[in-house]
Amino acid sequence: MLRTILEGAFLFLVPFAAFGLYLYGKGQNPLQPGVWSKKSLSWLTLVALLMCLGALLTWGAAHQTARGTYTPSHVDKSGQFVPGAFR
């Protein structure tokens, strides 16, 4: 669960980090609040949300859902562990 949250946060923060690097490359200090205008923050937020949505749609299209009946993991009569599986 933590990995999912961190991946989403990373995707959301990438445009802001890229803009900070852009500002640094232009010779401006990205740590100054004055260089982050409301317009640029609006666009960065929109791009970040679109990146998260695109990642969600890509992940959903790339991964198949399991079909069939799930048999939970258990220990059989001979004492062997049988992992859960879809059948």
PDB file of N, CA and C in Angstrom:
ATOM      1  N   MET A   1       0.817  -1.182   0.000  1.00  0.00           N
ATOM      2  CA  MET A   1       0.000   0.000   0.000  1.00  0.00           C
ATOM      3  C   MET A   1       0.870   1.259   0.000  1.00  0.00           C
ATOM      4  N   LEU A   2       1.931   1.224   0.781  1.00  0.00           N
ATOM      5  CA  LEU A   2       2.822   2.377   0.840  1.00  0.00           C
ATOM      6  C   LEU A   2       3.465   2.625  -0.516  1.00  0.00           C
ATOM      7  N   ARG A   3       3.810   1.558  -1.208  1.00  0.00           N
ATOM      8  CA  ARG A   3       4.415   1.699  -2.529  1.00  0.00           C
ATOM      9  C   ARG A   3       3.461   2.400  -3.487  1.00  0.00           C
ATOM     10  N   THR A   4       2.200   2.058  -3.446  1.00  0.00           N
ATOM     11  CA  THR A   4       1.209   2.683  -4.315  1.00  0.00           C
ATOM     12  C   THR A   4       1.105   4.175  -4.028  1.00  0.00           C
ATOM     13  N   ILE A   5       1.098   4.533  -2.761  1.00  0.00           N
ATOM     14  CA  ILE A   5       1.006   5.942  -2.387  1.00  0.00           C
ATOM     15  C   ILE A   5       2.258   6.697  -2.826  1.00  0.00           C
ATOM     16  N   LEU A   6       3.429   6.095  -2.617  1.00  0.00           N
ATOM     17  CA  LEU A   6       4.675   6.751  -3.003  1.00  0.00           C
ATOM     18  C   LEU A   6       4.794   6.910  -4.513  1.00  0.00           C
ATOM     19  N   GLU A   7       4.344   5.933  -5.279  1.00  0.00           N
ATOM     20  CA  GLU A   7       4.386   6.048  -6.736  1.00  0.00           C
ATOM     21  C   GLU A   7       3.481   7.175  -7.210  1.00  0.00           C
ATOM     22  N   GLY A   8       2.284   7.271  -6.643  1.00  0.00           N
ATOM     23  CA  GLY A   8       1.370   8.350  -7.010  1.00  0.00           C
ATOM     24  C   GLY A   8       1.930   9.714  -6.635  1.00  0.00           C
ATOM     25  N   ALA A   9       2.520   9.806  -5.459  1.00  0.00           N
ATOM     26  CA  ALA A   9       3.118  11.073  -5.027  1.00  0.00           C
ATOM     27  C   ALA A   9       4.289  11.443  -5.934  1.00  0.00           C
ATOM     28  N   PHE A  10       5.088  10.456  -6.310  1.00  0.00           N
ATOM     29  CA  PHE A  10       6.219  10.716  -7.206  1.00  0.00           C
ATOM     30  C   PHE A  10       5.729  11.253  -8.545  1.00  0.00           C
ATOM     31  N   LEU A  11       4.723  10.602  -9.132  1.00  0.00           N
ATOM     32  CA  LEU A  11       4.192  11.058 -10.414  1.00  0.00           C
ATOM     33  C   LEU A  11       3.612  12.459 -10.304  1.00  0.00           C
ATOM     34  N   PHE A  12       2.995  12.769  -9.173  1.00  0.00           N
ATOM     35  CA  PHE A  12       2.404  14.089  -8.996  1.00  0.00           C
ATOM     36  C   PHE A  12       3.485  15.160  -8.853  1.00  0.00           C
ATOM     37  N   LEU A  13       4.604  14.838  -8.225  1.00  0.00           N
ATOM     38  CA  LEU A  13       5.638  15.836  -7.946  1.00  0.00           C
ATOM     39  C   LEU A  13       6.640  16.036  -9.084  1.00  0.00           C
ATOM     40  N   VAL A  14       6.663  15.142 -10.053  1.00  0.00           N
ATOM     41  CA  VAL A  14       7.627  15.242 -11.157  1.00  0.00           C
ATOM     42  C   VAL A  14       7.507  16.567 -11.917  1.00  0.00           C
ATOM     43  N   PRO A  15       6.309  17.023 -12.322  1.00  0.00           N
ATOM     44  CA  PRO A  15       6.243  18.303 -13.045  1.00  0.00           C
ATOM     45  C   PRO A  15       6.758  19.491 -12.223  1.00  0.00           C
ATOM     46  N   PHE A  16       6.510  19.482 -10.914  1.00  0.00           N
ATOM     47  CA  PHE A  16       6.982  20.573 -10.069  1.00  0.00           C
ATOM     48  C   PHE A  16       8.507  20.568  -9.976  1.00  0.00           C
ATOM     49  N   ALA A  17       9.090  19.386  -9.862  1.00  0.00           N
ATOM     50  CA  ALA A  17      10.550  19.280  -9.819  1.00  0.00           C
ATOM     51  C   ALA A  17      11.158  19.714 -11.154  1.00  0.00           C
ATOM     52  N   ALA A  18      10.525  19.321 -12.252  1.00  0.00           N
ATOM     53  CA  ALA A  18      11.036  19.716 -13.569  1.00  0.00           C
ATOM     54  C   ALA A  18      10.962  21.226 -13.739  1.00  0.00           C
ATOM     55  N   PHE A  19       9.891  21.845 -13.270  1.00  0.00           N
ATOM     56  CA  PHE A  19       9.769  23.296 -13.366  1.00  0.00           C
ATOM     57  C   PHE A  19      10.803  23.975 -12.469  1.00  0.00           C
ATOM     58  N   GLY A  20      11.067  23.406 -11.298  1.00  0.00           N
ATOM     59  CA  GLY A  20      12.103  23.946 -10.429  1.00  0.00           C
ATOM     60  C   GLY A  20      13.471  23.904 -11.092  1.00  0.00           C
ATOM     61  N   LEU A  21      13.761  22.797 -11.787  1.00  0.00           N
ATOM     62  CA  LEU A  21      15.025  22.695 -12.524  1.00  0.00           C
ATOM     63  C   LEU A  21      15.076  23.697 -13.674  1.00  0.00           C
ATOM     64  N   TYR A  22      13.942  23.903 -14.318  1.00  0.00           N
ATOM     65  CA  TYR A  22      13.855  24.906 -15.389  1.00  0.00           C
ATOM     66  C   TYR A  22      14.155  26.300 -14.841  1.00  0.00           C
ATOM     67  N   LEU A  23      13.554  26.627 -13.706  1.00  0.00           N
ATOM     68  CA  LEU A  23      13.812  27.930 -13.089  1.00  0.00           C
ATOM     69  C   LEU A  23      15.277  28.076 -12.709  1.00  0.00           C
ATOM     70  N   TYR A  24      15.847  27.022 -12.166  1.00  0.00           N
ATOM     71  CA  TYR A  24      17.258  27.045 -11.791  1.00  0.00           C
ATOM     72  C   TYR A  24      18.146  27.259 -13.020  1.00  0.00           C
ATOM     73  N   GLY A  25      17.769  26.612 -14.123  1.00  0.00           N
ATOM     74  CA  GLY A  25      18.521  26.766 -15.369  1.00  0.00           C
ATOM     75  C   GLY A  25      18.431  28.178 -15.930  1.00  0.00           C
ATOM     76  N   LYS A  26      17.330  28.868 -15.674  1.00  0.00           N
ATOM     77  CA  LYS A  26      17.175  30.252 -16.126  1.00  0.00           C
ATOM     78  C   LYS A  26      17.874  31.241 -15.204  1.00  0.00           C
ATOM     79  N   GLY A  27      18.437  30.756 -14.118  1.00  0.00           N
ATOM     80  CA  GLY A  27      19.140  31.633 -13.202  1.00  0.00           C
ATOM     81  C   GLY A  27      18.272  32.188 -12.085  1.00  0.00           C
ATOM     82  N   GLN A  28      17.057  31.665 -11.939  1.00  0.00           N
ATOM     83  CA  GLN A  28      16.170  32.107 -10.863  1.00  0.00           C
ATOM     84  C   GLN A  28      16.243  31.103  -9.721  1.00  0.00           C
ATOM     85  N   ASN A  29      15.987  31.567  -8.537  1.00  0.00           N
ATOM     86  CA  ASN A  29      16.010  30.692  -7.373  1.00  0.00           C
ATOM     87  C   ASN A  29      14.630  30.039  -7.219  1.00  0.00           C
ATOM     88  N   PRO A  30      14.528  28.721  -7.419  1.00  0.00           N
ATOM     89  CA  PRO A  30      13.216  28.064  -7.311  1.00  0.00           C
ATOM     90  C   PRO A  30      12.669  28.036  -5.890  1.00  0.00           C
ATOM     91  N   LEU A  31      13.473  28.378  -4.896  1.00  0.00           N
ATOM     92  CA  LEU A  31      12.998  28.389  -3.516  1.00  0.00           C
ATOM     93  C   LEU A  31      12.326  29.707  -3.151  1.00  0.00           C
ATOM     94  N   GLN A  32      12.369  30.682  -4.043  1.00  0.00           N
ATOM     95  CA  GLN A  32      11.685  31.951  -3.827  1.00  0.00           C
ATOM     96  C   GLN A  32      10.218  31.808  -4.232  1.00  0.00           C
ATOM     97  N   PRO A  33       9.285  32.115  -3.342  1.00  0.00           N
ATOM     98  CA  PRO A  33       7.866  31.959  -3.685  1.00  0.00           C
ATOM     99  C   PRO A  33       7.414  32.847  -4.830  1.00  0.00           C
ATOM    100  N   GLY A  34       8.095  33.967  -5.073  1.00  0.00           N
ATOM    101  CA  GLY A  34       7.673  34.894  -6.111  1.00  0.00           C
ATOM    102  C   GLY A  34       7.794  34.361  -7.527  1.00  0.00           C
ATOM    103  N   VAL A  35       8.659  33.384  -7.765  1.00  0.00           N
ATOM    104  CA  VAL A  35       8.837  32.858  -9.129  1.00  0.00           C
ATOM    105  C   VAL A  35       7.781  31.808  -9.481  1.00  0.00           C
ATOM    106  N   TRP A  36       7.030  31.353  -8.498  1.00  0.00           N
ATOM    107  CA  TRP A  36       5.979  30.365  -8.731  1.00  0.00           C
ATOM    108  C   TRP A  36       4.639  31.111  -8.836  1.00  0.00           C
ATOM    109  N   SER A  37       4.267  31.518 -10.029  1.00  0.00           N
ATOM    110  CA  SER A  37       3.018  32.261 -10.208  1.00  0.00           C
ATOM    111  C   SER A  37       1.819  31.323 -10.090  1.00  0.00           C
ATOM    112  N   LYS A  38       0.656  31.906  -9.871  1.00  0.00           N
ATOM    113  CA  LYS A  38      -0.567  31.100  -9.782  1.00  0.00           C
ATOM    114  C   LYS A  38      -0.851  30.393 -11.103  1.00  0.00           C
ATOM    115  N   LYS A  39      -0.548  31.057 -12.204  1.00  0.00           N
ATOM    116  CA  LYS A  39      -0.783  30.454 -13.515  1.00  0.00           C
ATOM    117  C   LYS A  39       0.103  29.221 -13.713  1.00  0.00           C
ATOM    118  N   SER A  40       1.380  29.345 -13.372  1.00  0.00           N
ATOM    119  CA  SER A  40       2.281  28.201 -13.549  1.00  0.00           C
ATOM    120  C   SER A  40       1.900  27.061 -12.594  1.00  0.00           C
ATOM    121  N   LEU A  41       1.511  27.391 -11.368  1.00  0.00           N
ATOM    122  CA  LEU A  41       1.084  26.343 -10.434  1.00  0.00           C
ATOM    123  C   LEU A  41      -0.182  25.642 -10.911  1.00  0.00           C
ATOM    124  N   SER A  42      -1.090  26.399 -11.532  1.00  0.00           N
ATOM    125  CA  SER A  42      -2.314  25.792 -12.072  1.00  0.00           C
ATOM    126  C   SER A  42      -1.981  24.802 -13.181  1.00  0.00           C
ATOM    127  N   TRP A  43      -1.101  25.225 -14.090  1.00  0.00           N
ATOM    128  CA  TRP A  43      -0.722  24.333 -15.189  1.00  0.00           C
ATOM    129  C   TRP A  43       0.039  23.113 -14.683  1.00  0.00           C
ATOM    130  N   LEU A  44       0.914  23.315 -13.734  1.00  0.00           N
ATOM    131  CA  LEU A  44       1.672  22.193 -13.188  1.00  0.00           C
ATOM    132  C   LEU A  44       0.751  21.201 -12.480  1.00  0.00           C
ATOM    133  N   THR A  45      -0.230  21.704 -11.754  1.00  0.00           N
ATOM    134  CA  THR A  45      -1.184  20.818 -11.086  1.00  0.00           C
ATOM    135  C   THR A  45      -1.997  20.041 -12.103  1.00  0.00           C
ATOM    136  N   LEU A  46      -2.437  20.701 -13.167  1.00  0.00           N
ATOM    137  CA  LEU A  46      -3.196  20.010 -14.210  1.00  0.00           C
ATOM    138  C   LEU A  46      -2.353  18.929 -14.879  1.00  0.00           C
ATOM    139  N   VAL A  47      -1.103  19.247 -15.200  1.00  0.00           N
ATOM    140  CA  VAL A  47      -0.210  18.262 -15.821  1.00  0.00           C
ATOM    141  C   VAL A  47       0.031  17.097 -14.869  1.00  0.00           C
ATOM    142  N   ALA A  48       0.230  17.393 -13.584  1.00  0.00           N
ATOM    143  CA  ALA A  48       0.470  16.335 -12.602  1.00  0.00           C
ATOM    144  C   ALA A  48      -0.728  15.411 -12.481  1.00  0.00           C
ATOM    145  N   LEU A  49      -1.927  15.978 -12.441  1.00  0.00           N
ATOM    146  CA  LEU A  49      -3.130  15.145 -12.363  1.00  0.00           C
ATOM    147  C   LEU A  49      -3.323  14.315 -13.621  1.00  0.00           C
ATOM    148  N   LEU A  50      -3.019  14.882 -14.772  1.00  0.00           N
ATOM    149  CA  LEU A  50      -3.115  14.114 -16.017  1.00  0.00           C
ATOM    150  C   LEU A  50      -2.091  12.985 -16.065  1.00  0.00           C
ATOM    151  N   MET A  51      -0.898  13.232 -15.521  1.00  0.00           N
ATOM    152  CA  MET A  51       0.112  12.164 -15.454  1.00  0.00           C
ATOM    153  C   MET A  51      -0.363  11.031 -14.555  1.00  0.00           C
ATOM    154  N   CYS A  52      -0.958  11.372 -13.427  1.00  0.00           N
ATOM    155  CA  CYS A  52      -1.467  10.337 -12.514  1.00  0.00           C
ATOM    156  C   CYS A  52      -2.598   9.563 -13.164  1.00  0.00           C
ATOM    157  N   LEU A  53      -3.499  10.266 -13.845  1.00  0.00           N
ATOM    158  CA  LEU A  53      -4.605   9.595 -14.530  1.00  0.00           C
ATOM    159  C   LEU A  53      -4.086   8.701 -15.651  1.00  0.00           C
ATOM    160  N   GLY A  54      -3.117   9.193 -16.414  1.00  0.00           N
ATOM    161  CA  GLY A  54      -2.525   8.386 -17.488  1.00  0.00           C
ATOM    162  C   GLY A  54      -1.849   7.138 -16.957  1.00  0.00           C
ATOM    163  N   ALA A  55      -1.148   7.269 -15.844  1.00  0.00           N
ATOM    164  CA  ALA A  55      -0.502   6.100 -15.238  1.00  0.00           C
ATOM    165  C   ALA A  55      -1.541   5.102 -14.750  1.00  0.00           C
ATOM    166  N   LEU A  56      -2.610   5.605 -14.172  1.00  0.00           N
ATOM    167  CA  LEU A  56      -3.681   4.720 -13.703  1.00  0.00           C
ATOM    168  C   LEU A  56      -4.328   3.978 -14.858  1.00  0.00           C
ATOM    169  N   LEU A  57      -4.612   4.682 -15.954  1.00  0.00           N
ATOM    170  CA  LEU A  57      -5.224   4.032 -17.118  1.00  0.00           C
ATOM    171  C   LEU A  57      -4.260   3.051 -17.781  1.00  0.00           C
ATOM    172  N   THR A  58      -2.984   3.413 -17.862  1.00  0.00           N
ATOM    173  CA  THR A  58      -1.993   2.512 -18.447  1.00  0.00           C
ATOM    174  C   THR A  58      -1.843   1.249 -17.610  1.00  0.00           C
ATOM    175  N   TRP A  59      -1.776   1.416 -16.300  1.00  0.00           N
ATOM    176  CA  TRP A  59      -1.650   0.261 -15.417  1.00  0.00           C
ATOM    177  C   TRP A  59      -2.885  -0.630 -15.519  1.00  0.00           C
ATOM    178  N   GLY A  60      -4.053  -0.018 -15.573  1.00  0.00           N
ATOM    179  CA  GLY A  60      -5.284  -0.797 -15.673  1.00  0.00           C
ATOM    180  C   GLY A  60      -5.393  -1.562 -16.985  1.00  0.00           C
ATOM    181  N   ALA A  61      -4.906  -0.972 -18.067  1.00  0.00           N
ATOM    182  CA  ALA A  61      -4.965  -1.645 -19.363  1.00  0.00           C
ATOM    183  C   ALA A  61      -3.907  -2.736 -19.481  1.00  0.00           C
ATOM    184  N   ALA A  62      -2.796  -2.575 -18.791  1.00  0.00           N
ATOM    185  CA  ALA A  62      -1.692  -3.525 -18.924  1.00  0.00           C
ATOM    186  C   ALA A  62      -1.863  -4.760 -18.044  1.00  0.00           C
ATOM    187  N   HIS A  63      -2.616  -4.656 -16.978  1.00  0.00           N
ATOM    188  CA  HIS A  63      -2.757  -5.771 -16.050  1.00  0.00           C
ATOM    189  C   HIS A  63      -4.129  -6.406 -16.196  1.00  0.00           C
ATOM    190  N   GLN A  64      -4.121  -7.706 -16.369  1.00  0.00           N
ATOM    191  CA  GLN A  64      -5.375  -8.426 -16.496  1.00  0.00           C
ATOM    192  C   GLN A  64      -5.902  -8.776 -15.113  1.00  0.00           C
ATOM    193  N   THR A  65      -7.205  -8.791 -15.019  1.00  0.00           N
ATOM    194  CA  THR A  65      -7.806  -9.239 -13.772  1.00  0.00           C
ATOM    195  C   THR A  65      -7.921 -10.754 -13.796  1.00  0.00           C
ATOM    196  N   ALA A  66      -7.818 -11.342 -12.636  1.00  0.00           N
ATOM    197  CA  ALA A  66      -7.887 -12.799 -12.549  1.00  0.00           C
ATOM    198  C   ALA A  66      -9.324 -13.266 -12.779  1.00  0.00           C
ATOM    199  N   ARG A  67      -9.453 -14.326 -13.502  1.00  0.00           N
ATOM    200  CA  ARG A  67     -10.775 -14.908 -13.788  1.00  0.00           C
ATOM    201  C   ARG A  67     -10.890 -16.237 -13.058  1.00  0.00           C
ATOM    202  N   GLY A  68     -12.069 -16.631 -12.726  1.00  0.00           N
ATOM    203  CA  GLY A  68     -12.277 -17.923 -12.097  1.00  0.00           C
ATOM    204  C   GLY A  68     -12.558 -17.793 -10.617  1.00  0.00           C
ATOM    205  N   THR A  69     -12.452 -18.905  -9.949  1.00  0.00           N
ATOM    206  CA  THR A  69     -12.730 -18.974  -8.516  1.00  0.00           C
ATOM    207  C   THR A  69     -11.422 -18.993  -7.747  1.00  0.00           C
ATOM    208  N   TYR A  70     -11.351 -18.189  -6.703  1.00  0.00           N
ATOM    209  CA  TYR A  70     -10.136 -18.127  -5.898  1.00  0.00           C
ATOM    210  C   TYR A  70     -10.179 -19.216  -4.837  1.00  0.00           C
ATOM    211  N   THR A  71      -9.097 -19.990  -4.782  1.00  0.00           N
ATOM    212  CA  THR A  71      -8.925 -20.986  -3.733  1.00  0.00           C
ATOM    213  C   THR A  71      -7.872 -20.450  -2.778  1.00  0.00           C
ATOM    214  N   PRO A  72      -8.237 -20.170  -1.533  1.00  0.00           N
ATOM    215  CA  PRO A  72      -7.260 -19.581  -0.607  1.00  0.00           C
ATOM    216  C   PRO A  72      -6.145 -20.557  -0.256  1.00  0.00           C
ATOM    217  N   SER A  73      -5.033 -20.014   0.214  1.00  0.00           N
ATOM    218  CA  SER A  73      -3.918 -20.868   0.618  1.00  0.00           C
ATOM    219  C   SER A  73      -4.322 -21.685   1.842  1.00  0.00           C
ATOM    220  N   HIS A  74      -3.761 -22.882   1.913  1.00  0.00           N
ATOM    221  CA  HIS A  74      -4.106 -23.771   3.018  1.00  0.00           C
ATOM    222  C   HIS A  74      -3.028 -24.850   3.165  1.00  0.00           C
ATOM    223  N   VAL A  75      -3.129 -25.605   4.209  1.00  0.00           N
ATOM    224  CA  VAL A  75      -2.250 -26.752   4.434  1.00  0.00           C
ATOM    225  C   VAL A  75      -3.079 -27.997   4.159  1.00  0.00           C
ATOM    226  N   ASP A  76      -2.611 -28.840   3.215  1.00  0.00           N
ATOM    227  CA  ASP A  76      -3.403 -30.029   2.870  1.00  0.00           C
ATOM    228  C   ASP A  76      -3.224 -31.128   3.919  1.00  0.00           C
ATOM    229  N   LYS A  77      -3.849 -32.267   3.657  1.00  0.00           N
ATOM    230  CA  LYS A  77      -3.869 -33.368   4.631  1.00  0.00           C
ATOM    231  C   LYS A  77      -2.475 -33.927   4.930  1.00  0.00           C
ATOM    232  N   SER A  78      -1.558 -33.817   3.964  1.00  0.00           N
ATOM    233  CA  SER A  78      -0.212 -34.358   4.180  1.00  0.00           C
ATOM    234  C   SER A  78       0.713 -33.324   4.840  1.00  0.00           C
ATOM    235  N   GLY A  79       0.197 -32.152   5.171  1.00  0.00           N
ATOM    236  CA  GLY A  79       0.994 -31.135   5.847  1.00  0.00           C
ATOM    237  C   GLY A  79       1.747 -30.205   4.910  1.00  0.00           C
ATOM    238  N   GLN A  80       1.465 -30.280   3.622  1.00  0.00           N
ATOM    239  CA  GLN A  80       2.136 -29.427   2.638  1.00  0.00           C
ATOM    240  C   GLN A  80       1.360 -28.114   2.468  1.00  0.00           C
ATOM    241  N   PHE A  81       2.090 -27.007   2.369  1.00  0.00           N
ATOM    242  CA  PHE A  81       1.470 -25.705   2.146  1.00  0.00           C
ATOM    243  C   PHE A  81       1.072 -25.594   0.683  1.00  0.00           C
ATOM    244  N   VAL A  82      -0.163 -25.224   0.438  1.00  0.00           N
ATOM    245  CA  VAL A  82      -0.665 -25.019  -0.924  1.00  0.00           C
ATOM    246  C   VAL A  82      -0.998 -23.546  -1.062  1.00  0.00           C
ATOM    247  N   PRO A  83      -0.287 -22.800  -1.921  1.00  0.00           N
ATOM    248  CA  PRO A  83      -0.562 -21.365  -2.071  1.00  0.00           C
ATOM    249  C   PRO A  83      -1.924 -21.133  -2.726  1.00  0.00           C
ATOM    250  N   GLY A  84      -2.488 -19.956  -2.459  1.00  0.00           N
ATOM    251  CA  GLY A  84      -3.763 -19.595  -3.065  1.00  0.00           C
ATOM    252  C   GLY A  84      -3.609 -19.387  -4.561  1.00  0.00           C
ATOM    253  N   ALA A  85      -4.690 -19.613  -5.283  1.00  0.00           N
ATOM    254  CA  ALA A  85      -4.641 -19.478  -6.750  1.00  0.00           C
ATOM    255  C   ALA A  85      -6.048 -19.332  -7.287  1.00  0.00           C
ATOM    256  N   PHE A  86      -6.118 -18.784  -8.508  1.00  0.00           N
ATOM    257  CA  PHE A  86      -7.395 -18.719  -9.227  1.00  0.00           C
ATOM    258  C   PHE A  86      -7.492 -19.948 -10.109  1.00  0.00           C
ATOM    259  N   ARG A  87      -8.616 -20.621 -10.059  1.00  0.00           N
ATOM    260  CA  ARG A  87      -8.826 -21.823 -10.869  1.00  0.00           C
ATOM    261  C   ARG A  87     -10.087 -21.689 -11.681  1.00  0.00           C
TER     262      ARG A  87
END
